[in-house]
């Protein structure tokens, strides 16, 4: 089953502000997520305003996302440095 990653406006803005090497690293993570969104260090967010979402750790960065199983869509809400 193949998934599609979709970045929110805020996540796209955060992605563009990163250095090129980090953009590449996160781009690789997005490609991996499209194959299997649960592979790697993926855990549910347990508190705060993002509670109920999932987070994937990619080096010092965190990708916050939600899954839409009916459309095979990964909605990426935020990318931030921990």
PDB file of N, CA and C in Angstrom:
ATOM      1  N   UNK A   1       0.838  -1.169   0.000  1.00  0.00           N
ATOM      2  CA  UNK A   1       0.000   0.000   0.000  1.00  0.00           C
ATOM      3  C   UNK A   1       0.888   1.240   0.000  1.00  0.00           C
ATOM      4  N   UNK A   2       0.601   2.172  -0.876  1.00  0.00           N
ATOM      5  CA  UNK A   2       1.388   3.384  -1.004  1.00  0.00           C
ATOM      6  C   UNK A   2       0.644   4.569  -0.388  1.00  0.00           C
ATOM      7  N   UNK A   3       1.366   5.411   0.284  1.00  0.00           N
ATOM      8  CA  UNK A   3       0.812   6.594   0.927  1.00  0.00           C
ATOM      9  C   UNK A   3       1.300   7.842   0.203  1.00  0.00           C
ATOM     10  N   UNK A   4       0.641   8.963   0.438  1.00  0.00           N
ATOM     11  CA  UNK A   4       1.038  10.251  -0.139  1.00  0.00           C
ATOM     12  C   UNK A   4       1.246  11.231   1.004  1.00  0.00           C
ATOM     13  N   UNK A   5       2.411  11.903   1.021  1.00  0.00           N
ATOM     14  CA  UNK A   5       2.701  12.930   2.025  1.00  0.00           C
ATOM     15  C   UNK A   5       2.188  14.276   1.534  1.00  0.00           C
ATOM     16  N   UNK A   6       1.514  14.998   2.424  1.00  0.00           N
ATOM     17  CA  UNK A   6       1.037  16.346   2.110  1.00  0.00           C
ATOM     18  C   UNK A   6       1.442  17.262   3.254  1.00  0.00           C
ATOM     19  N   UNK A   7       2.211  18.300   2.934  1.00  0.00           N
ATOM     20  CA  UNK A   7       2.668  19.245   3.944  1.00  0.00           C
ATOM     21  C   UNK A   7       1.664  20.380   4.085  1.00  0.00           C
ATOM     22  N   UNK A   8       1.392  20.769   5.317  1.00  0.00           N
ATOM     23  CA  UNK A   8       0.564  21.948   5.561  1.00  0.00           C
ATOM     24  C   UNK A   8       1.373  23.186   5.176  1.00  0.00           C
ATOM     25  N   UNK A   9       0.717  24.335   5.104  1.00  0.00           N
ATOM     26  CA  UNK A   9       1.436  25.574   4.775  1.00  0.00           C
ATOM     27  C   UNK A   9       2.542  25.842   5.781  1.00  0.00           C
ATOM     28  N   UNK A  10       2.224  25.630   7.057  1.00  0.00           N
ATOM     29  CA  UNK A  10       3.216  25.862   8.112  1.00  0.00           C
ATOM     30  C   UNK A  10       4.390  24.900   7.989  1.00  0.00           C
ATOM     31  N   UNK A  11       4.123  23.624   7.737  1.00  0.00           N
ATOM     32  CA  UNK A  11       5.194  22.633   7.592  1.00  0.00           C
ATOM     33  C   UNK A  11       6.056  22.941   6.361  1.00  0.00           C
ATOM     34  N   UNK A  12       5.430  23.364   5.268  1.00  0.00           N
ATOM     35  CA  UNK A  12       6.188  23.709   4.058  1.00  0.00           C
ATOM     36  C   UNK A  12       7.097  24.911   4.326  1.00  0.00           C
ATOM     37  N   UNK A  13       6.596  25.875   5.066  1.00  0.00           N
ATOM     38  CA  UNK A  13       7.398  27.050   5.421  1.00  0.00           C
ATOM     39  C   UNK A  13       8.580  26.636   6.300  1.00  0.00           C
ATOM     40  N   UNK A  14       8.332  25.762   7.279  1.00  0.00           N
ATOM     41  CA  UNK A  14       9.394  25.276   8.153  1.00  0.00           C
ATOM     42  C   UNK A  14      10.432  24.485   7.350  1.00  0.00           C
ATOM     43  N   UNK A  15       9.967  23.670   6.399  1.00  0.00           N
ATOM     44  CA  UNK A  15      10.860  22.864   5.568  1.00  0.00           C
ATOM     45  C   UNK A  15      11.767  23.757   4.721  1.00  0.00           C
ATOM     46  N   UNK A  16      11.199  24.792   4.100  1.00  0.00           N
ATOM     47  CA  UNK A  16      11.996  25.686   3.245  1.00  0.00           C
ATOM     48  C   UNK A  16      13.041  26.474   4.032  1.00  0.00           C
ATOM     49  N   UNK A  17      12.809  26.689   5.307  1.00  0.00           N
ATOM     50  CA  UNK A  17      13.746  27.482   6.114  1.00  0.00           C
ATOM     51  C   UNK A  17      14.955  26.660   6.584  1.00  0.00           C
ATOM     52  N   UNK A  18      14.926  25.356   6.373  1.00  0.00           N
ATOM     53  CA  UNK A  18      16.015  24.493   6.827  1.00  0.00           C
ATOM     54  C   UNK A  18      17.186  24.511   5.849  1.00  0.00           C
ATOM     55  N   UNK A  19      18.391  24.199   6.331  1.00  0.00           N
ATOM     56  CA  UNK A  19      19.539  24.068   5.427  1.00  0.00           C
ATOM     57  C   UNK A  19      19.308  22.932   4.421  1.00  0.00           C
ATOM     58  N   UNK A  20      19.969  23.024   3.276  1.00  0.00           N
ATOM     59  CA  UNK A  20      19.774  22.053   2.193  1.00  0.00           C
ATOM     60  C   UNK A  20      20.040  20.612   2.626  1.00  0.00           C
ATOM     61  N   UNK A  21      21.076  20.393   3.445  1.00  0.00           N
ATOM     62  CA  UNK A  21      21.372  19.014   3.859  1.00  0.00           C
ATOM     63  C   UNK A  21      20.255  18.447   4.731  1.00  0.00           C
ATOM     64  N   UNK A  22      19.640  19.279   5.545  1.00  0.00           N
ATOM     65  CA  UNK A  22      18.521  18.818   6.376  1.00  0.00           C
ATOM     66  C   UNK A  22      17.269  18.619   5.530  1.00  0.00           C
ATOM     67  N   UNK A  23      17.079  19.457   4.514  1.00  0.00           N
ATOM     68  CA  UNK A  23      15.954  19.260   3.597  1.00  0.00           C
ATOM     69  C   UNK A  23      16.081  17.900   2.913  1.00  0.00           C
ATOM     70  N   UNK A  24      17.286  17.557   2.502  1.00  0.00           N
ATOM     71  CA  UNK A  24      17.525  16.264   1.865  1.00  0.00           C
ATOM     72  C   UNK A  24      17.211  15.127   2.838  1.00  0.00           C
ATOM     73  N   UNK A  25      17.707  15.250   4.077  1.00  0.00           N
ATOM     74  CA  UNK A  25      17.482  14.217   5.095  1.00  0.00           C
ATOM     75  C   UNK A  25      15.988  14.031   5.355  1.00  0.00           C
ATOM     76  N   UNK A  26      15.250  15.119   5.478  1.00  0.00           N
ATOM     77  CA  UNK A  26      13.808  15.017   5.714  1.00  0.00           C
ATOM     78  C   UNK A  26      13.078  14.525   4.469  1.00  0.00           C
ATOM     79  N   UNK A  27      13.550  14.903   3.293  1.00  0.00           N
ATOM     80  CA  UNK A  27      12.968  14.399   2.047  1.00  0.00           C
ATOM     81  C   UNK A  27      13.075  12.884   1.962  1.00  0.00           C
ATOM     82  N   UNK A  28      14.209  12.348   2.386  1.00  0.00           N
ATOM     83  CA  UNK A  28      14.383  10.898   2.435  1.00  0.00           C
ATOM     84  C   UNK A  28      13.394  10.272   3.424  1.00  0.00           C
ATOM     85  N   UNK A  29      13.179  10.945   4.553  1.00  0.00           N
ATOM     86  CA  UNK A  29      12.227  10.445   5.551  1.00  0.00           C
ATOM     87  C   UNK A  29      10.807  10.450   4.985  1.00  0.00           C
ATOM     88  N   UNK A  30      10.452  11.498   4.218  1.00  0.00           N
ATOM     89  CA  UNK A  30       9.123  11.555   3.601  1.00  0.00           C
ATOM     90  C   UNK A  30       8.932  10.386   2.629  1.00  0.00           C
ATOM     91  N   UNK A  31       9.960  10.088   1.845  1.00  0.00           N
ATOM     92  CA  UNK A  31       9.878   8.967   0.907  1.00  0.00           C
ATOM     93  C   UNK A  31       9.699   7.645   1.657  1.00  0.00           C
ATOM     94  N   UNK A  32      10.405   7.489   2.762  1.00  0.00           N
ATOM     95  CA  UNK A  32      10.269   6.277   3.573  1.00  0.00           C
ATOM     96  C   UNK A  32       8.860   6.196   4.163  1.00  0.00           C
ATOM     97  N   UNK A  33       8.318   7.327   4.591  1.00  0.00           N
ATOM     98  CA  UNK A  33       6.972   7.359   5.168  1.00  0.00           C
ATOM     99  C   UNK A  33       5.921   6.984   4.133  1.00  0.00           C
ATOM    100  N   UNK A  34       6.145   7.341   2.864  1.00  0.00           N
ATOM    101  CA  UNK A  34       5.181   7.003   1.812  1.00  0.00           C
ATOM    102  C   UNK A  34       5.110   5.484   1.596  1.00  0.00           C
ATOM    103  N   UNK A  35       6.183   4.787   1.900  1.00  0.00           N
ATOM    104  CA  UNK A  35       6.185   3.327   1.799  1.00  0.00           C
ATOM    105  C   UNK A  35       5.582   2.701   3.054  1.00  0.00           C
ATOM    106  N   UNK A  36       5.980   3.180   4.219  1.00  0.00           N
ATOM    107  CA  UNK A  36       5.486   2.660   5.495  1.00  0.00           C
ATOM    108  C   UNK A  36       5.560   3.775   6.539  1.00  0.00           C
ATOM    109  N   UNK A  37       4.437   4.424   6.849  1.00  0.00           N
ATOM    110  CA  UNK A  37       4.466   5.555   7.783  1.00  0.00           C
ATOM    111  C   UNK A  37       4.824   5.175   9.223  1.00  0.00           C
ATOM    112  N   UNK A  38       4.831   3.896   9.561  1.00  0.00           N
ATOM    113  CA  UNK A  38       5.135   3.469  10.926  1.00  0.00           C
ATOM    114  C   UNK A  38       6.569   2.992  11.102  1.00  0.00           C
ATOM    115  N   UNK A  39       7.361   2.986  10.030  1.00  0.00           N
ATOM    116  CA  UNK A  39       8.744   2.523  10.109  1.00  0.00           C
ATOM    117  C   UNK A  39       9.614   3.602  10.753  1.00  0.00           C
ATOM    118  N   UNK A  40      10.526   3.179  11.573  1.00  0.00           N
ATOM    119  CA  UNK A  40      11.423   4.113  12.243  1.00  0.00           C
ATOM    120  C   UNK A  40      10.902   4.464  13.625  1.00  0.00           C
ATOM    121  N   UNK A  41      11.376   5.577  14.142  1.00  0.00           N
ATOM    122  CA  UNK A  41      11.016   6.018  15.490  1.00  0.00           C
ATOM    123  C   UNK A  41       9.732   6.847  15.421  1.00  0.00           C
ATOM    124  N   UNK A  42       8.594   6.165  15.386  1.00  0.00           N
ATOM    125  CA  UNK A  42       7.282   6.811  15.296  1.00  0.00           C
ATOM    126  C   UNK A  42       6.525   6.518  16.580  1.00  0.00           C
ATOM    127  N   UNK A  43       6.012   7.569  17.204  1.00  0.00           N
ATOM    128  CA  UNK A  43       5.260   7.415  18.451  1.00  0.00           C
ATOM    129  C   UNK A  43       4.103   8.398  18.475  1.00  0.00           C
ATOM    130  N   UNK A  44       3.062   8.084  19.233  1.00  0.00           N
ATOM    131  CA  UNK A  44       1.957   9.038  19.368  1.00  0.00           C
ATOM    132  C   UNK A  44       2.360  10.222  20.247  1.00  0.00           C
ATOM    133  N   UNK A  45       1.808  11.378  19.943  1.00  0.00           N
ATOM    134  CA  UNK A  45       2.006  12.566  20.769  1.00  0.00           C
ATOM    135  C   UNK A  45       0.991  12.471  21.900  1.00  0.00           C
ATOM    136  N   UNK A  46       1.464  12.509  23.143  1.00  0.00           N
ATOM    137  CA  UNK A  46       0.591  12.237  24.287  1.00  0.00           C
ATOM    138  C   UNK A  46       0.072  13.476  24.998  1.00  0.00           C
ATOM    139  N   UNK A  47       0.632  14.646  24.716  1.00  0.00           N
ATOM    140  CA  UNK A  47       0.175  15.837  25.431  1.00  0.00           C
ATOM    141  C   UNK A  47       0.318  17.072  24.545  1.00  0.00           C
ATOM    142  N   UNK A  48      -0.245  18.157  25.001  1.00  0.00           N
ATOM    143  CA  UNK A  48      -0.148  19.419  24.287  1.00  0.00           C
ATOM    144  C   UNK A  48      -1.201  19.551  23.212  1.00  0.00           C
ATOM    145  N   UNK A  49      -1.073  20.611  22.435  1.00  0.00           N
ATOM    146  CA  UNK A  49      -2.076  20.883  21.409  1.00  0.00           C
ATOM    147  C   UNK A  49      -2.005  19.903  20.237  1.00  0.00           C
ATOM    148  N   UNK A  50      -0.918  19.156  20.115  1.00  0.00           N
ATOM    149  CA  UNK A  50      -0.768  18.179  19.029  1.00  0.00           C
ATOM    150  C   UNK A  50      -1.139  16.764  19.467  1.00  0.00           C
ATOM    151  N   UNK A  51      -1.735  16.635  20.649  1.00  0.00           N
ATOM    152  CA  UNK A  51      -2.128  15.330  21.167  1.00  0.00           C
ATOM    153  C   UNK A  51      -3.036  14.617  20.165  1.00  0.00           C
ATOM    154  N   UNK A  52      -2.803  13.344  19.978  1.00  0.00           N
ATOM    155  CA  UNK A  52      -3.573  12.555  19.024  1.00  0.00           C
ATOM    156  C   UNK A  52      -2.866  12.398  17.688  1.00  0.00           C
ATOM    157  N   UNK A  53      -1.836  13.193  17.455  1.00  0.00           N
ATOM    158  CA  UNK A  53      -1.031  13.077  16.236  1.00  0.00           C
ATOM    159  C   UNK A  53       0.077  12.057  16.474  1.00  0.00           C
ATOM    160  N   UNK A  54       0.844  11.819  15.435  1.00  0.00           N
ATOM    161  CA  UNK A  54       2.020  10.972  15.539  1.00  0.00           C
ATOM    162  C   UNK A  54       3.254  11.835  15.315  1.00  0.00           C
ATOM    163  N   UNK A  55       4.378  11.384  15.841  1.00  0.00           N
ATOM    164  CA  UNK A  55       5.631  12.086  15.570  1.00  0.00           C
ATOM    165  C   UNK A  55       6.669  11.088  15.127  1.00  0.00           C
ATOM    166  N   UNK A  56       7.489  11.525  14.175  1.00  0.00           N
ATOM    167  CA  UNK A  56       8.593  10.696  13.684  1.00  0.00           C
ATOM    168  C   UNK A  56       9.873  11.469  13.961  1.00  0.00           C
ATOM    169  N   UNK A  57      10.836  10.801  14.559  1.00  0.00           N
ATOM    170  CA  UNK A  57      12.116  11.428  14.855  1.00  0.00           C
ATOM    171  C   UNK A  57      13.069  11.202  13.694  1.00  0.00           C
ATOM    172  N   UNK A  58      13.650  12.288  13.197  1.00  0.00           N
ATOM    173  CA  UNK A  58      14.641  12.239  12.119  1.00  0.00           C
ATOM    174  C   UNK A  58      15.812  13.099  12.575  1.00  0.00           C
ATOM    175  N   UNK A  59      16.820  12.460  13.151  1.00  0.00           N
ATOM    176  CA  UNK A  59      17.940  13.205  13.711  1.00  0.00           C
ATOM    177  C   UNK A  59      17.427  14.141  14.789  1.00  0.00           C
ATOM    178  N   UNK A  60      17.832  15.423  14.734  1.00  0.00           N
ATOM    179  CA  UNK A  60      17.355  16.377  15.751  1.00  0.00           C
ATOM    180  C   UNK A  60      15.961  16.940  15.449  1.00  0.00           C
ATOM    181  N   UNK A  61      15.344  16.495  14.378  1.00  0.00           N
ATOM    182  CA  UNK A  61      14.047  17.034  13.961  1.00  0.00           C
ATOM    183  C   UNK A  61      12.913  16.073  14.276  1.00  0.00           C
ATOM    184  N   UNK A  62      11.724  16.646  14.427  1.00  0.00           N
ATOM    185  CA  UNK A  62      10.506  15.878  14.646  1.00  0.00           C
ATOM    186  C   UNK A  62       9.503  16.255  13.562  1.00  0.00           C
ATOM    187  N   UNK A  63       8.909  15.239  12.959  1.00  0.00           N
ATOM    188  CA  UNK A  63       7.844  15.433  11.975  1.00  0.00           C
ATOM    189  C   UNK A  63       6.545  15.071  12.679  1.00  0.00           C
ATOM    190  N   UNK A  64       5.621  16.015  12.755  1.00  0.00           N
ATOM    191  CA  UNK A  64       4.320  15.775  13.376  1.00  0.00           C
ATOM    192  C   UNK A  64       3.328  15.535  12.254  1.00  0.00           C
ATOM    193  N   UNK A  65       2.603  14.403  12.326  1.00  0.00           N
ATOM    194  CA  UNK A  65       1.697  14.054  11.230  1.00  0.00           C
ATOM    195  C   UNK A  65       0.486  13.282  11.719  1.00  0.00           C
ATOM    196  N   UNK A  66      -0.511  13.220  10.858  1.00  0.00           N
ATOM    197  CA  UNK A  66      -1.722  12.428  11.092  1.00  0.00           C
ATOM    198  C   UNK A  66      -1.979  11.607   9.840  1.00  0.00           C
ATOM    199  N   UNK A  67      -2.638  10.480  10.011  1.00  0.00           N
ATOM    200  CA  UNK A  67      -2.928   9.585   8.882  1.00  0.00           C
ATOM    201  C   UNK A  67      -4.411   9.618   8.546  1.00  0.00           C
ATOM    202  N   UNK A  68      -4.697   9.609   7.250  1.00  0.00           N
ATOM    203  CA  UNK A  68      -6.064   9.454   6.757  1.00  0.00           C
ATOM    204  C   UNK A  68      -6.086   8.119   6.012  1.00  0.00           C
ATOM    205  N   UNK A  69      -6.542   7.079   6.693  1.00  0.00           N
ATOM    206  CA  UNK A  69      -6.492   5.721   6.139  1.00  0.00           C
ATOM    207  C   UNK A  69      -7.393   5.560   4.916  1.00  0.00           C
ATOM    208  N   UNK A  70      -8.490   6.293   4.856  1.00  0.00           N
ATOM    209  CA  UNK A  70      -9.416   6.130   3.733  1.00  0.00           C
ATOM    210  C   UNK A  70      -8.819   6.648   2.428  1.00  0.00           C
ATOM    211  N   UNK A  71      -7.920   7.650   2.508  1.00  0.00           N
ATOM    212  CA  UNK A  71      -7.313   8.230   1.306  1.00  0.00           C
ATOM    213  C   UNK A  71      -5.827   7.888   1.177  1.00  0.00           C
ATOM    214  N   UNK A  72      -5.302   7.090   2.120  1.00  0.00           N
ATOM    215  CA  UNK A  72      -3.864   6.783   2.162  1.00  0.00           C
ATOM    216  C   UNK A  72      -3.040   8.069   2.123  1.00  0.00           C
ATOM    217  N   UNK A  73      -3.391   9.003   3.008  1.00  0.00           N
ATOM    218  CA  UNK A  73      -2.789  10.326   3.027  1.00  0.00           C
ATOM    219  C   UNK A  73      -2.095  10.564   4.361  1.00  0.00           C
ATOM    220  N   UNK A  74      -0.887  11.097   4.290  1.00  0.00           N
ATOM    221  CA  UNK A  74      -0.130  11.497   5.475  1.00  0.00           C
ATOM    222  C   UNK A  74      -0.142  13.016   5.504  1.00  0.00           C
ATOM    223  N   UNK A  75      -0.837  13.596   6.454  1.00  0.00           N
ATOM    224  CA  UNK A  75      -0.902  15.059   6.618  1.00  0.00           C
ATOM    225  C   UNK A  75       0.177  15.492   7.582  1.00  0.00           C
ATOM    226  N   UNK A  76       1.200  16.161   7.068  1.00  0.00           N
ATOM    227  CA  UNK A  76       2.305  16.620   7.901  1.00  0.00           C
ATOM    228  C   UNK A  76       1.955  18.020   8.386  1.00  0.00           C
ATOM    229  N   UNK A  77       1.826  18.153   9.711  1.00  0.00           N
ATOM    230  CA  UNK A  77       1.396  19.411  10.321  1.00  0.00           C
ATOM    231  C   UNK A  77       2.553  20.321  10.679  1.00  0.00           C
ATOM    232  N   UNK A  78       3.672  19.755  11.092  1.00  0.00           N
ATOM    233  CA  UNK A  78       4.793  20.578  11.556  1.00  0.00           C
ATOM    234  C   UNK A  78       6.107  19.816  11.473  1.00  0.00           C
ATOM    235  N   UNK A  79       7.171  20.583  11.350  1.00  0.00           N
ATOM    236  CA  UNK A  79       8.532  20.057  11.395  1.00  0.00           C
ATOM    237  C   UNK A  79       9.285  20.975  12.340  1.00  0.00           C
ATOM    238  N   UNK A  80       9.850  20.423  13.388  1.00  0.00           N
ATOM    239  CA  UNK A  80      10.593  21.286  14.296  1.00  0.00           C
ATOM    240  C   UNK A  80      11.809  20.566  14.854  1.00  0.00           C
ATOM    241  N   UNK A  81      12.719  21.369  15.369  1.00  0.00           N
ATOM    242  CA  UNK A  81      13.948  20.832  15.961  1.00  0.00           C
ATOM    243  C   UNK A  81      13.722  20.630  17.445  1.00  0.00           C
ATOM    244  N   UNK A  82      14.119  19.501  17.952  1.00  0.00           N
ATOM    245  CA  UNK A  82      13.952  19.179  19.365  1.00  0.00           C
ATOM    246  C   UNK A  82      15.080  19.771  20.157  1.00  0.00           C
TER     247      UNK A  82
END
